[in-house]
Amino acid sequence: MRLKTVAAGLAASLALSAPAHALVGYADVVLNFFDSGAGPMAGPYGGTLLGAYPVPVSTSVVLGTDSVSDPDFLSLPTGSFVTVGFTDEIVLDGVGDDLFVGETGGNGEQADIFVSSDFINFILLGTATDNALTGFDLADIGWVGQVKAVKIVGLDNLGASPGFDVTYIQALPGAFQGVPEPATWALMIMGFGLAGSAVRRRRTTTA
């Protein structure tokens, strides 16, 4: 009975302390960038929808919200790539499309999208097109487990800012879980300790 009470208390604590899910999860860390040298200038380069391009930009322009509120973009000419991750969501295979890659401009640019569960081995998920938000379903490649990294590789040098112009990478709520906050981890550890203690006392009483 005591073990059930501890478990119930732990479940209630986790429910109260778990972070609320956002409507959409966005990539929020750049893990790697490679400049193939195929562009008109050294990368990273890109621009803004309201400014000049191509101009030097930070790779961080691909992070966060959509191009309406953050119009900066990163251009990936042939062979150049950027690898991003999600630090506050655990991306999994959900119902329907799970990952989306945004590109600005309608000049025929494309990019191959790869996913990885270990930051080392990458599997081709599909090809993203220009001037759109291209969706990908992890189930299409039989994906199992967590997506820890997404790599976007440019396939051409088209457009005024040559290459695939990445604006943002997102995941829908059905495809991710929130990462527990430190307070939640503390509650989990305390709860498991109490549960173990209750089991030991019960075994001692039975003996």
N, C-alpha and C. Protein backbone atom coordinates (compact mmCIF):
# COMPACT_ATOMS: atom_id res chain seq x y z
N MET A 1 0.83 -1.20 0.00
CA MET A 1 0.00 0.00 0.00
C MET A 1 0.87 1.26 0.00
N ARG A 2 1.94 1.25 0.83
CA ARG A 2 2.80 2.41 0.93
C ARG A 2 3.49 2.68 -0.41
N LEU A 3 3.90 1.60 -1.11
CA LEU A 3 4.56 1.74 -2.40
C LEU A 3 3.62 2.39 -3.42
N LYS A 4 2.34 1.99 -3.38
CA LYS A 4 1.36 2.58 -4.30
C LYS A 4 1.18 4.07 -4.01
N THR A 5 1.20 4.42 -2.71
CA THR A 5 1.04 5.83 -2.32
C THR A 5 2.20 6.66 -2.82
N VAL A 6 3.43 6.12 -2.69
CA VAL A 6 4.62 6.83 -3.17
C VAL A 6 4.55 7.02 -4.68
N ALA A 7 4.17 5.97 -5.40
CA ALA A 7 4.08 6.04 -6.85
C ALA A 7 3.05 7.07 -7.29
N ALA A 8 1.91 7.09 -6.60
CA ALA A 8 0.87 8.05 -6.94
C ALA A 8 1.34 9.48 -6.70
N GLY A 9 2.05 9.68 -5.58
CA GLY A 9 2.57 11.01 -5.29
C GLY A 9 3.58 11.47 -6.31
N LEU A 10 4.45 10.53 -6.76
CA LEU A 10 5.45 10.85 -7.76
C LEU A 10 4.78 11.25 -9.08
N ALA A 11 3.78 10.51 -9.47
CA ALA A 11 3.07 10.80 -10.72
C ALA A 11 2.42 12.17 -10.67
N ALA A 12 1.82 12.50 -9.53
CA ALA A 12 1.18 13.80 -9.38
C ALA A 12 2.20 14.92 -9.44
N SER A 13 3.37 14.73 -8.81
CA SER A 13 4.40 15.75 -8.81
C SER A 13 4.92 16.01 -10.21
N LEU A 14 5.14 14.91 -10.96
CA LEU A 14 5.63 15.06 -12.33
C LEU A 14 4.61 15.78 -13.20
N ALA A 15 3.35 15.48 -13.01
CA ALA A 15 2.30 16.11 -13.81
C ALA A 15 2.27 17.61 -13.56
N LEU A 16 2.50 18.01 -12.30
CA LEU A 16 2.45 19.43 -11.95
C LEU A 16 3.69 20.17 -12.43
N SER A 17 4.86 19.49 -12.47
CA SER A 17 6.11 20.19 -12.77
C SER A 17 6.55 20.07 -14.21
N ALA A 18 5.92 19.20 -15.00
CA ALA A 18 6.34 19.02 -16.39
C ALA A 18 6.06 20.29 -17.18
N PRO A 19 7.03 20.70 -18.03
CA PRO A 19 6.83 21.93 -18.82
C PRO A 19 5.70 21.77 -19.82
N ALA A 20 4.96 22.85 -20.03
CA ALA A 20 3.86 22.81 -21.00
C ALA A 20 4.41 22.70 -22.41
N HIS A 21 3.73 21.96 -23.27
CA HIS A 21 4.16 21.81 -24.65
C HIS A 21 3.88 23.09 -25.44
N ALA A 22 4.84 23.48 -26.25
CA ALA A 22 4.64 24.59 -27.16
C ALA A 22 3.80 24.09 -28.33
N LEU A 23 3.21 25.05 -29.07
CA LEU A 23 2.42 24.66 -30.22
C LEU A 23 3.30 24.02 -31.28
N VAL A 24 4.53 24.54 -31.44
CA VAL A 24 5.48 24.03 -32.41
C VAL A 24 6.87 24.05 -31.78
N GLY A 25 7.68 23.04 -32.08
CA GLY A 25 9.05 23.03 -31.59
C GLY A 25 10.00 23.45 -32.70
N TYR A 26 10.98 24.30 -32.37
CA TYR A 26 11.93 24.77 -33.37
C TYR A 26 13.35 24.33 -33.02
N ALA A 27 14.16 24.04 -34.03
CA ALA A 27 15.58 23.76 -33.80
C ALA A 27 16.19 24.96 -33.10
N ASP A 28 16.99 24.70 -32.06
CA ASP A 28 17.52 25.82 -31.28
C ASP A 28 19.02 25.74 -31.01
N VAL A 29 19.73 24.84 -31.70
CA VAL A 29 21.18 24.81 -31.57
C VAL A 29 21.80 24.36 -32.89
N VAL A 30 22.87 25.06 -33.31
CA VAL A 30 23.62 24.65 -34.50
C VAL A 30 24.75 23.74 -34.04
N LEU A 31 24.75 22.52 -34.54
CA LEU A 31 25.75 21.53 -34.14
C LEU A 31 26.97 21.53 -35.05
N ASN A 32 26.76 21.88 -36.32
CA ASN A 32 27.88 21.85 -37.27
C ASN A 32 27.52 22.66 -38.51
N PHE A 33 28.56 23.19 -39.14
CA PHE A 33 28.39 23.89 -40.41
C PHE A 33 29.59 23.59 -41.29
N PHE A 34 29.33 23.35 -42.59
CA PHE A 34 30.42 23.08 -43.53
C PHE A 34 30.22 23.93 -44.77
N ASP A 35 31.27 24.65 -45.15
CA ASP A 35 31.24 25.47 -46.34
C ASP A 35 32.01 24.75 -47.45
N SER A 36 31.31 24.36 -48.49
CA SER A 36 31.95 23.61 -49.58
C SER A 36 32.81 24.49 -50.47
N GLY A 37 32.63 25.80 -50.41
CA GLY A 37 33.36 26.71 -51.26
C GLY A 37 32.74 26.89 -52.63
N ALA A 38 31.54 26.32 -52.83
CA ALA A 38 30.89 26.40 -54.14
C ALA A 38 30.14 27.71 -54.36
N GLY A 39 29.99 28.50 -53.32
CA GLY A 39 29.26 29.76 -53.43
C GLY A 39 30.11 30.90 -53.93
N PRO A 40 29.52 32.09 -54.12
CA PRO A 40 30.24 33.26 -54.64
C PRO A 40 31.13 33.93 -53.60
N MET A 41 30.99 33.54 -52.33
CA MET A 41 31.79 34.10 -51.26
C MET A 41 31.92 33.05 -50.16
N ALA A 42 32.85 33.28 -49.25
CA ALA A 42 33.04 32.33 -48.16
C ALA A 42 31.80 32.28 -47.28
N GLY A 43 31.42 31.08 -46.88
CA GLY A 43 30.26 30.92 -46.01
C GLY A 43 30.64 30.98 -44.54
N PRO A 44 29.66 31.17 -43.67
CA PRO A 44 28.23 31.20 -43.99
C PRO A 44 27.79 32.56 -44.56
N TYR A 45 26.96 32.49 -45.59
CA TYR A 45 26.38 33.70 -46.16
C TYR A 45 24.89 33.48 -46.39
N GLY A 46 24.18 34.55 -46.64
CA GLY A 46 22.74 34.47 -46.86
C GLY A 46 22.21 35.88 -46.96
N GLY A 47 21.17 36.19 -46.18
CA GLY A 47 20.63 37.54 -46.20
C GLY A 47 19.34 37.65 -45.44
N THR A 48 18.61 38.73 -45.69
CA THR A 48 17.30 38.95 -45.09
C THR A 48 16.32 39.27 -46.21
N LEU A 49 15.06 39.01 -45.96
CA LEU A 49 14.04 39.28 -46.96
C LEU A 49 13.91 40.78 -47.21
N LEU A 50 14.37 41.61 -46.26
CA LEU A 50 14.23 43.06 -46.38
C LEU A 50 15.55 43.75 -46.67
N GLY A 51 16.63 42.97 -46.79
CA GLY A 51 17.94 43.57 -46.94
C GLY A 51 18.71 43.04 -48.13
N ALA A 52 20.05 43.19 -48.06
CA ALA A 52 20.92 42.78 -49.15
C ALA A 52 21.31 41.31 -49.02
N TYR A 53 21.63 40.71 -50.17
CA TYR A 53 22.12 39.33 -50.21
C TYR A 53 22.82 39.10 -51.55
N PRO A 54 23.84 38.24 -51.57
CA PRO A 54 24.37 37.50 -50.43
C PRO A 54 25.29 38.36 -49.56
N VAL A 55 25.19 38.20 -48.26
CA VAL A 55 26.04 38.89 -47.29
C VAL A 55 26.40 37.88 -46.20
N PRO A 56 27.50 38.11 -45.49
CA PRO A 56 27.84 37.19 -44.39
C PRO A 56 26.74 37.19 -43.34
N VAL A 57 26.40 35.99 -42.84
CA VAL A 57 25.41 35.86 -41.77
C VAL A 57 25.90 34.83 -40.77
N SER A 58 25.28 34.82 -39.62
CA SER A 58 25.57 33.79 -38.63
C SER A 58 24.75 32.55 -38.95
N THR A 59 25.28 31.38 -38.66
CA THR A 59 24.52 30.14 -38.88
C THR A 59 23.29 30.09 -37.98
N SER A 60 23.27 30.89 -36.92
CA SER A 60 22.14 30.88 -35.99
C SER A 60 20.86 31.44 -36.59
N VAL A 61 20.94 32.02 -37.81
CA VAL A 61 19.72 32.56 -38.42
C VAL A 61 18.71 31.46 -38.74
N VAL A 62 19.15 30.20 -38.77
CA VAL A 62 18.22 29.09 -39.07
C VAL A 62 17.47 28.63 -37.83
N LEU A 63 17.82 29.18 -36.67
CA LEU A 63 17.20 28.74 -35.41
C LEU A 63 15.97 29.56 -35.09
N GLY A 64 15.09 28.97 -34.29
CA GLY A 64 13.94 29.71 -33.79
C GLY A 64 12.78 29.77 -34.75
N THR A 65 12.02 30.84 -34.65
CA THR A 65 10.70 30.93 -35.28
C THR A 65 10.75 31.15 -36.78
N ASP A 66 9.56 31.22 -37.38
CA ASP A 66 9.43 31.25 -38.83
C ASP A 66 9.90 32.56 -39.45
N SER A 67 9.94 32.56 -40.80
CA SER A 67 10.52 33.68 -41.54
C SER A 67 9.69 34.96 -41.47
N VAL A 68 8.45 34.89 -41.03
CA VAL A 68 7.62 36.09 -40.93
C VAL A 68 8.14 37.00 -39.83
N SER A 69 8.46 36.40 -38.68
CA SER A 69 8.94 37.19 -37.56
C SER A 69 10.47 37.30 -37.54
N ASP A 70 11.15 36.41 -38.26
CA ASP A 70 12.61 36.41 -38.30
C ASP A 70 13.05 36.12 -39.73
N PRO A 71 13.14 37.15 -40.58
CA PRO A 71 13.31 36.94 -42.02
C PRO A 71 14.71 36.55 -42.48
N ASP A 72 15.69 36.47 -41.59
CA ASP A 72 17.04 36.10 -42.01
C ASP A 72 17.08 34.67 -42.55
N PHE A 73 18.03 34.41 -43.45
CA PHE A 73 18.18 33.06 -43.97
C PHE A 73 19.64 32.73 -44.22
N LEU A 74 19.94 31.43 -44.26
CA LEU A 74 21.28 30.92 -44.52
C LEU A 74 21.25 30.19 -45.85
N SER A 75 22.13 30.59 -46.79
CA SER A 75 22.18 29.95 -48.10
C SER A 75 23.20 28.80 -48.08
N LEU A 76 22.78 27.66 -48.63
CA LEU A 76 23.63 26.48 -48.69
C LEU A 76 23.86 26.10 -50.15
N PRO A 77 24.99 26.54 -50.74
CA PRO A 77 25.29 26.14 -52.11
C PRO A 77 25.65 24.66 -52.17
N THR A 78 25.87 24.15 -53.36
CA THR A 78 26.14 22.73 -53.56
C THR A 78 27.20 22.19 -52.60
N GLY A 79 26.81 21.18 -51.82
CA GLY A 79 27.75 20.52 -50.92
C GLY A 79 27.89 21.15 -49.55
N SER A 80 27.44 22.37 -49.37
CA SER A 80 27.48 23.00 -48.04
C SER A 80 26.34 22.45 -47.19
N PHE A 81 26.57 22.39 -45.88
CA PHE A 81 25.50 21.89 -45.01
C PHE A 81 25.53 22.53 -43.64
N VAL A 82 24.38 22.48 -42.98
CA VAL A 82 24.25 22.90 -41.59
C VAL A 82 23.54 21.78 -40.84
N THR A 83 23.99 21.50 -39.63
CA THR A 83 23.39 20.46 -38.79
C THR A 83 22.85 21.13 -37.53
N VAL A 84 21.59 20.85 -37.22
CA VAL A 84 20.92 21.48 -36.07
C VAL A 84 20.35 20.44 -35.13
N GLY A 85 20.00 20.88 -33.92
CA GLY A 85 19.38 19.99 -32.94
C GLY A 85 18.30 20.71 -32.16
N PHE A 86 17.56 19.93 -31.37
CA PHE A 86 16.49 20.43 -30.51
C PHE A 86 16.89 20.17 -29.06
N THR A 87 17.08 21.23 -28.26
CA THR A 87 17.49 21.02 -26.87
C THR A 87 16.32 20.96 -25.90
N ASP A 88 15.16 21.51 -26.28
CA ASP A 88 14.03 21.51 -25.36
C ASP A 88 12.87 20.64 -25.83
N GLU A 89 13.11 19.80 -26.83
CA GLU A 89 12.13 18.80 -27.26
C GLU A 89 12.87 17.50 -27.59
N ILE A 90 12.17 16.39 -27.39
CA ILE A 90 12.66 15.09 -27.84
C ILE A 90 11.83 14.72 -29.06
N VAL A 91 12.44 14.76 -30.24
CA VAL A 91 11.71 14.56 -31.49
C VAL A 91 11.62 13.07 -31.82
N LEU A 92 10.39 12.60 -32.01
CA LEU A 92 10.11 11.20 -32.31
C LEU A 92 9.18 11.13 -33.52
N ASP A 93 8.88 9.90 -33.94
CA ASP A 93 7.92 9.72 -35.03
C ASP A 93 6.51 9.80 -34.47
N GLY A 94 5.75 10.79 -34.94
CA GLY A 94 4.36 10.94 -34.52
C GLY A 94 3.42 10.60 -35.66
N VAL A 95 2.20 11.06 -35.58
CA VAL A 95 1.20 10.83 -36.62
C VAL A 95 1.39 11.86 -37.73
N GLY A 96 1.53 11.41 -38.97
CA GLY A 96 1.72 12.32 -40.09
C GLY A 96 3.13 12.88 -40.15
N ASP A 97 3.28 14.04 -40.80
CA ASP A 97 4.59 14.66 -40.94
C ASP A 97 5.12 15.10 -39.57
N ASP A 98 6.42 14.95 -39.39
CA ASP A 98 7.05 15.24 -38.10
C ASP A 98 8.00 16.43 -38.15
N LEU A 99 8.81 16.52 -39.19
CA LEU A 99 9.80 17.58 -39.34
C LEU A 99 9.48 18.43 -40.56
N PHE A 100 9.77 19.73 -40.45
CA PHE A 100 9.52 20.67 -41.54
C PHE A 100 10.74 21.57 -41.72
N VAL A 101 11.09 21.81 -42.98
CA VAL A 101 12.23 22.68 -43.30
C VAL A 101 11.72 23.81 -44.18
N GLY A 102 11.97 25.06 -43.74
CA GLY A 102 11.51 26.23 -44.48
C GLY A 102 12.59 26.79 -45.39
N GLU A 103 12.17 27.22 -46.60
CA GLU A 103 13.08 27.84 -47.57
C GLU A 103 12.39 29.05 -48.17
N THR A 104 13.15 30.11 -48.42
CA THR A 104 12.57 31.31 -48.99
C THR A 104 13.09 31.55 -50.40
N GLY A 105 12.23 32.05 -51.27
CA GLY A 105 12.62 32.33 -52.65
C GLY A 105 12.19 31.21 -53.58
N GLY A 106 11.80 31.57 -54.78
CA GLY A 106 11.31 30.58 -55.73
C GLY A 106 12.20 30.44 -56.94
N ASN A 107 13.39 29.86 -56.76
CA ASN A 107 14.34 29.75 -57.86
C ASN A 107 14.75 28.31 -58.16
N GLY A 108 13.97 27.36 -57.66
CA GLY A 108 14.26 25.95 -57.94
C GLY A 108 15.28 25.31 -57.04
N GLU A 109 15.67 25.96 -55.93
CA GLU A 109 16.68 25.38 -55.04
C GLU A 109 16.15 24.14 -54.32
N GLN A 110 17.05 23.21 -54.02
CA GLN A 110 16.70 22.00 -53.29
C GLN A 110 17.79 21.65 -52.29
N ALA A 111 17.43 20.81 -51.30
CA ALA A 111 18.40 20.34 -50.32
C ALA A 111 18.00 18.96 -49.84
N ASP A 112 18.99 18.10 -49.61
CA ASP A 112 18.72 16.79 -49.01
C ASP A 112 18.70 16.94 -47.50
N ILE A 113 17.73 16.27 -46.86
CA ILE A 113 17.56 16.34 -45.41
C ILE A 113 17.90 14.98 -44.81
N PHE A 114 18.80 14.99 -43.85
CA PHE A 114 19.24 13.77 -43.17
C PHE A 114 18.92 13.87 -41.68
N VAL A 115 18.68 12.72 -41.04
CA VAL A 115 18.44 12.69 -39.59
C VAL A 115 19.39 11.69 -38.94
N SER A 116 19.68 11.93 -37.67
CA SER A 116 20.60 11.06 -36.93
C SER A 116 20.13 10.88 -35.49
N SER A 117 20.39 9.70 -34.95
CA SER A 117 20.07 9.42 -33.55
C SER A 117 21.32 9.41 -32.68
N ASP A 118 22.51 9.54 -33.30
CA ASP A 118 23.76 9.46 -32.53
C ASP A 118 24.77 10.54 -32.91
N PHE A 119 24.39 11.49 -33.74
CA PHE A 119 25.26 12.58 -34.20
C PHE A 119 26.38 12.10 -35.13
N ILE A 120 26.40 10.83 -35.47
CA ILE A 120 27.47 10.27 -36.30
C ILE A 120 26.92 9.72 -37.61
N ASN A 121 25.95 8.83 -37.51
CA ASN A 121 25.36 8.21 -38.68
C ASN A 121 24.08 8.94 -39.08
N PHE A 122 24.02 9.36 -40.35
CA PHE A 122 22.88 10.11 -40.84
C PHE A 122 22.15 9.33 -41.93
N ILE A 123 20.82 9.37 -41.88
CA ILE A 123 19.97 8.67 -42.85
C ILE A 123 19.18 9.69 -43.64
N LEU A 124 19.15 9.51 -44.96
CA LEU A 124 18.42 10.43 -45.83
C LEU A 124 16.93 10.33 -45.56
N LEU A 125 16.32 11.47 -45.21
CA LEU A 125 14.89 11.52 -44.95
C LEU A 125 14.12 11.93 -46.20
N GLY A 126 14.70 12.78 -47.03
CA GLY A 126 14.04 13.23 -48.24
C GLY A 126 14.67 14.51 -48.76
N THR A 127 14.06 15.10 -49.77
CA THR A 127 14.57 16.32 -50.39
C THR A 127 13.57 17.46 -50.20
N ALA A 128 14.09 18.59 -49.70
CA ALA A 128 13.26 19.77 -49.49
C ALA A 128 13.28 20.64 -50.74
N THR A 129 12.17 21.32 -51.01
CA THR A 129 12.06 22.19 -52.18
C THR A 129 12.07 23.66 -51.78
N ASP A 130 12.12 24.52 -52.80
CA ASP A 130 12.25 25.95 -52.54
C ASP A 130 10.91 26.63 -52.29
N ASN A 131 11.01 27.84 -51.70
CA ASN A 131 9.85 28.71 -51.52
C ASN A 131 8.69 28.02 -50.81
N ALA A 132 9.00 27.17 -49.84
CA ALA A 132 7.95 26.40 -49.17
C ALA A 132 8.44 25.88 -47.83
N LEU A 133 7.49 25.33 -47.09
CA LEU A 133 7.79 24.60 -45.87
C LEU A 133 7.59 23.12 -46.21
N THR A 134 8.68 22.38 -46.41
CA THR A 134 8.60 20.98 -46.83
C THR A 134 8.47 20.09 -45.60
N GLY A 135 7.44 19.23 -45.58
CA GLY A 135 7.21 18.33 -44.46
C GLY A 135 7.75 16.94 -44.74
N PHE A 136 8.20 16.27 -43.66
CA PHE A 136 8.75 14.92 -43.76
C PHE A 136 8.15 14.04 -42.66
N ASP A 137 7.78 12.82 -43.03
CA ASP A 137 7.25 11.84 -42.08
C ASP A 137 8.35 10.82 -41.78
N LEU A 138 8.77 10.74 -40.53
CA LEU A 138 9.83 9.80 -40.14
C LEU A 138 9.45 8.35 -40.42
N ALA A 139 8.15 8.08 -40.44
CA ALA A 139 7.69 6.71 -40.71
C ALA A 139 8.05 6.27 -42.13
N ASP A 140 8.24 7.22 -43.04
CA ASP A 140 8.57 6.89 -44.42
C ASP A 140 9.90 6.15 -44.54
N ILE A 141 10.79 6.34 -43.58
CA ILE A 141 12.08 5.64 -43.61
C ILE A 141 12.17 4.60 -42.49
N GLY A 142 11.01 4.30 -41.88
CA GLY A 142 10.99 3.30 -40.81
C GLY A 142 11.75 3.74 -39.58
N TRP A 143 11.72 5.04 -39.29
CA TRP A 143 12.51 5.59 -38.18
C TRP A 143 11.99 5.11 -36.83
N VAL A 144 12.92 4.71 -35.96
CA VAL A 144 12.59 4.31 -34.59
C VAL A 144 13.54 5.04 -33.65
N GLY A 145 13.01 5.64 -32.60
CA GLY A 145 13.85 6.33 -31.63
C GLY A 145 13.82 7.83 -31.78
N GLN A 146 14.80 8.49 -31.16
CA GLN A 146 14.84 9.94 -31.09
C GLN A 146 15.68 10.54 -32.21
N VAL A 147 15.21 11.65 -32.76
CA VAL A 147 16.01 12.42 -33.73
C VAL A 147 16.86 13.40 -32.93
N LYS A 148 18.16 13.21 -32.94
CA LYS A 148 19.04 14.09 -32.18
C LYS A 148 19.70 15.16 -33.05
N ALA A 149 19.72 14.94 -34.37
CA ALA A 149 20.33 15.92 -35.26
C ALA A 149 19.65 15.88 -36.62
N VAL A 150 19.54 17.05 -37.24
CA VAL A 150 18.99 17.19 -38.59
C VAL A 150 20.03 17.91 -39.43
N LYS A 151 20.44 17.29 -40.55
CA LYS A 151 21.44 17.89 -41.44
C LYS A 151 20.78 18.29 -42.76
N ILE A 152 21.06 19.53 -43.20
CA ILE A 152 20.50 20.06 -44.44
C ILE A 152 21.65 20.32 -45.40
N VAL A 153 21.65 19.63 -46.55
CA VAL A 153 22.75 19.71 -47.50
C VAL A 153 22.27 20.35 -48.81
N GLY A 154 22.87 21.47 -49.19
CA GLY A 154 22.49 22.15 -50.42
C GLY A 154 22.84 21.34 -51.66
N LEU A 155 21.96 21.42 -52.69
CA LEU A 155 22.15 20.63 -53.90
C LEU A 155 22.44 21.45 -55.15
N ASP A 156 22.40 22.79 -55.04
CA ASP A 156 22.59 23.60 -56.25
C ASP A 156 23.05 25.01 -55.87
N ASN A 157 23.33 25.80 -56.90
CA ASN A 157 23.78 27.18 -56.71
C ASN A 157 22.80 28.17 -57.33
N LEU A 158 21.52 27.84 -57.29
CA LEU A 158 20.51 28.69 -57.91
C LEU A 158 20.13 29.85 -56.99
N GLY A 159 19.52 30.88 -57.58
CA GLY A 159 19.02 32.00 -56.80
C GLY A 159 20.00 33.15 -56.70
N ALA A 160 19.48 34.33 -56.28
CA ALA A 160 20.31 35.53 -56.14
C ALA A 160 21.33 35.38 -55.03
N SER A 161 20.97 34.63 -53.98
CA SER A 161 21.92 34.24 -52.93
C SER A 161 22.11 32.74 -53.14
N PRO A 162 23.08 32.33 -53.95
CA PRO A 162 23.16 30.97 -54.47
C PRO A 162 23.07 29.87 -53.41
N GLY A 163 22.17 28.92 -53.68
CA GLY A 163 22.00 27.78 -52.79
C GLY A 163 20.63 27.73 -52.14
N PHE A 164 20.40 26.69 -51.38
CA PHE A 164 19.14 26.48 -50.67
C PHE A 164 19.09 27.44 -49.49
N ASP A 165 18.06 28.29 -49.42
CA ASP A 165 17.97 29.35 -48.41
C ASP A 165 17.14 28.90 -47.21
N VAL A 166 17.81 28.42 -46.19
CA VAL A 166 17.14 27.88 -45.00
C VAL A 166 16.66 29.01 -44.10
N THR A 167 15.40 28.95 -43.70
CA THR A 167 14.87 29.95 -42.77
C THR A 167 14.67 29.37 -41.37
N TYR A 168 14.14 28.14 -41.27
CA TYR A 168 13.92 27.52 -39.97
C TYR A 168 13.62 26.03 -40.12
N ILE A 169 13.73 25.31 -39.00
CA ILE A 169 13.44 23.87 -38.95
C ILE A 169 12.52 23.65 -37.76
N GLN A 170 11.41 22.97 -37.97
CA GLN A 170 10.45 22.80 -36.88
C GLN A 170 9.92 21.38 -36.79
N ALA A 171 9.35 21.08 -35.62
CA ALA A 171 8.67 19.80 -35.39
C ALA A 171 7.30 20.10 -34.80
N LEU A 172 6.30 19.29 -35.15
CA LEU A 172 4.95 19.49 -34.63
C LEU A 172 4.80 18.81 -33.27
N PRO A 173 3.83 19.25 -32.45
CA PRO A 173 3.65 18.69 -31.11
C PRO A 173 3.49 17.17 -31.07
N GLY A 174 2.84 16.60 -32.11
CA GLY A 174 2.65 15.15 -32.12
C GLY A 174 3.94 14.38 -32.30
N ALA A 175 5.03 15.10 -32.68
CA ALA A 175 6.30 14.44 -32.94
C ALA A 175 7.34 14.68 -31.85
N PHE A 176 6.99 15.44 -30.80
CA PHE A 176 8.00 15.66 -29.77
C PHE A 176 7.42 15.64 -28.36
N GLN A 177 8.33 15.40 -27.41
CA GLN A 177 8.00 15.45 -25.99
C GLN A 177 8.86 16.53 -25.37
N GLY A 178 8.36 17.18 -24.33
CA GLY A 178 9.16 18.17 -23.63
C GLY A 178 10.27 17.51 -22.84
N VAL A 179 11.42 18.17 -22.75
CA VAL A 179 12.53 17.67 -21.95
C VAL A 179 12.31 18.09 -20.51
N PRO A 180 12.36 17.17 -19.54
CA PRO A 180 12.12 17.53 -18.14
C PRO A 180 13.07 18.61 -17.65
N GLU A 181 12.52 19.55 -16.87
CA GLU A 181 13.33 20.59 -16.26
C GLU A 181 14.09 20.01 -15.07
N PRO A 182 15.15 20.71 -14.57
CA PRO A 182 15.93 20.21 -13.43
C PRO A 182 15.07 19.84 -12.22
N ALA A 183 14.04 20.64 -11.93
CA ALA A 183 13.18 20.34 -10.78
C ALA A 183 12.44 19.02 -10.98
N THR A 184 12.08 18.74 -12.24
CA THR A 184 11.39 17.49 -12.53
C THR A 184 12.32 16.32 -12.32
N TRP A 185 13.57 16.46 -12.80
CA TRP A 185 14.54 15.38 -12.60
C TRP A 185 14.75 15.12 -11.11
N ALA A 186 14.82 16.19 -10.30
CA ALA A 186 15.01 16.03 -8.86
C ALA A 186 13.85 15.25 -8.25
N LEU A 187 12.62 15.59 -8.66
CA LEU A 187 11.45 14.88 -8.15
C LEU A 187 11.47 13.41 -8.56
N MET A 188 11.91 13.16 -9.79
CA MET A 188 11.96 11.77 -10.27
C MET A 188 12.95 10.96 -9.44
N ILE A 189 14.16 11.53 -9.22
CA ILE A 189 15.17 10.83 -8.44
C ILE A 189 14.69 10.58 -7.02
N MET A 190 14.07 11.60 -6.40
CA MET A 190 13.56 11.46 -5.04
C MET A 190 12.46 10.40 -5.00
N GLY A 191 11.60 10.42 -6.00
CA GLY A 191 10.50 9.45 -6.03
C GLY A 191 11.00 8.03 -6.18
N PHE A 192 11.99 7.82 -7.05
CA PHE A 192 12.54 6.48 -7.23
C PHE A 192 13.22 6.01 -5.95
N GLY A 193 13.89 6.94 -5.24
CA GLY A 193 14.54 6.59 -3.98
C GLY A 193 13.52 6.17 -2.93
N LEU A 194 12.42 6.92 -2.83
CA LEU A 194 11.38 6.58 -1.87
C LEU A 194 10.73 5.25 -2.19
N ALA A 195 10.52 5.01 -3.51
CA ALA A 195 9.92 3.75 -3.92
C ALA A 195 10.83 2.58 -3.56
N GLY A 196 12.13 2.76 -3.81
CA GLY A 196 13.08 1.70 -3.47
C GLY A 196 13.13 1.44 -1.99
N SER A 197 13.08 2.52 -1.19
CA SER A 197 13.09 2.38 0.26
C SER A 197 11.86 1.63 0.75
N ALA A 198 10.70 1.93 0.16
CA ALA A 198 9.47 1.24 0.55
C ALA A 198 9.54 -0.24 0.23
N VAL A 199 10.14 -0.57 -0.91
CA VAL A 199 10.28 -1.98 -1.30
C VAL A 199 11.18 -2.72 -0.31
N ARG A 200 12.30 -2.07 0.08
CA ARG A 200 13.22 -2.70 1.02
C ARG A 200 12.56 -2.94 2.37
N ARG A 201 11.78 -1.95 2.85
CA ARG A 201 11.09 -2.12 4.15
C ARG A 201 10.08 -3.24 4.07
N ARG A 202 9.41 -3.33 2.94
CA ARG A 202 8.39 -4.38 2.77
C ARG A 202 9.04 -5.76 2.79
N ARG A 203 10.21 -5.89 2.14
CA ARG A 203 10.91 -7.18 2.10
C ARG A 203 11.38 -7.56 3.51
N THR A 204 11.88 -6.53 4.26
CA THR A 204 12.35 -6.80 5.62
C THR A 204 11.23 -7.27 6.49
N THR A 205 10.05 -6.64 6.40
CA THR A 205 8.88 -7.03 7.19
C THR A 205 8.44 -8.44 6.86
N THR A 206 8.44 -8.79 5.55
CA THR A 206 8.03 -10.13 5.12
C THR A 206 8.98 -11.17 5.67
N ALA A 207 10.28 -10.88 5.61
CA ALA A 207 11.27 -11.84 6.12
C ALA A 207 11.07 -12.07 7.61
